[in-house]
Amino acid sequence: METRSNQPETLQEGILYFSDPDRCLEYVKAWRWPDGVVICPTCGSKNVTFLKNQRKWQCGSHHQKRQFSVKVGTVMEDSPLTLDKWLVGMWLIGNCKNGISSCEIASALGITQKTAWFMNHRIRLSMRDDFYGKKLGGNGGEIEVDESFIGGKARNMHVSERKRRITGTGTKDKTAVMGILERGGKVRTLVVPNRRKGTLQAEVRTHVEAGAALYSDALLSYEGLASDYAHQVVDHAVQYVDGRVHTNGLENFWSLLKRGISGTYVSVEPFHLHRYLDEQAFRFNNRKATAADRFNMALMGIVGKRVTFTELTGKVS
């Protein structure tokens, strides 16, 4: 495992550090197999041999795909890009507060915009919080819930774009998203089909422990939660803060998210929106960490996740 003393702490140090392909390999290997034992991703065998000239391993068992690189079984699988480009790209996406577009990534790394777009989405997948069934608000924690809408106004779209997004899909010009924030802890974000009571309350009960202090605005969809939670409401038509009762933490998160979408990404397709939510939630949840720590956290999430270009472009479900 890489020690703290020899890990890069800034982007400049990272670019210099990862310019050596062998050092890149050792760095990713140390995070992927922390105990130092390399395991075949196909059969799980520990009987593997390192092929130094190819920077790959070969499994001692005879089966298909005996040879594998450190990328196999990660978001980087089947990518022709070298590790130095992947790692610098991961550093940039993990630490640019308002996000970084595929055009900027392409220019910085010397790759095509199409490749950078694919890379960005794969890195966002590594940043996704899988929750693992854990609920927020345990031990009487304070929870804020709020919803917002993401997307451009239909009247500002070209007629063909308006027809594709609205008439063709039968949906409105904006997409509903929901946020659940534990004060002093993490935010969770979800794309939701609507703001109806059944939809929002089902998500609250899925993600929040019963008995938690729950704060929301005066949306009628939240009525009825008082039976399971210490639910209090702040009416934004009157005030935004009533002692501990407010949703300002989530308002802050929505502000950061929309600033990144409007200023950096400009236009986000609704079927990709959850990936941008994952990206912003990752930075928000790790805002107190150092740039190096955020980079390492993103790197820890690369294993066991995969998304292909055909999936991203909607050619397969």
Foldseek 3Di string as FASTA:
>chain_A
DDDPVPFDQDLVSLLVQVVDLVSLQVVLCCLVPVVNQDADPPPRDSQWDQDVVVQWIAHPDDDPCRIDHSQPQFQCPPPPDGSSLLLSLLLQLLPDLLGAALVRSCVVSVHDSVVSVSSLLSLLQLLFDPCVQDAPQPPQFEKEKDKDKDADALVPDDPVVSCVQPVVVVDHRIWMKMWMDTVVAAIDIDTWRDLALVGVVVVCPSHHAFAHEYAYEPPPSPPPSVVGYNYDYDHVVVPQDDPPHHNVVVVVLVVSLRCSCCPHVNGDDPVCVVSSVSSNRSCVRCVVPRSSVSSSSSSSSGGNDYDDPCVVVVVDD
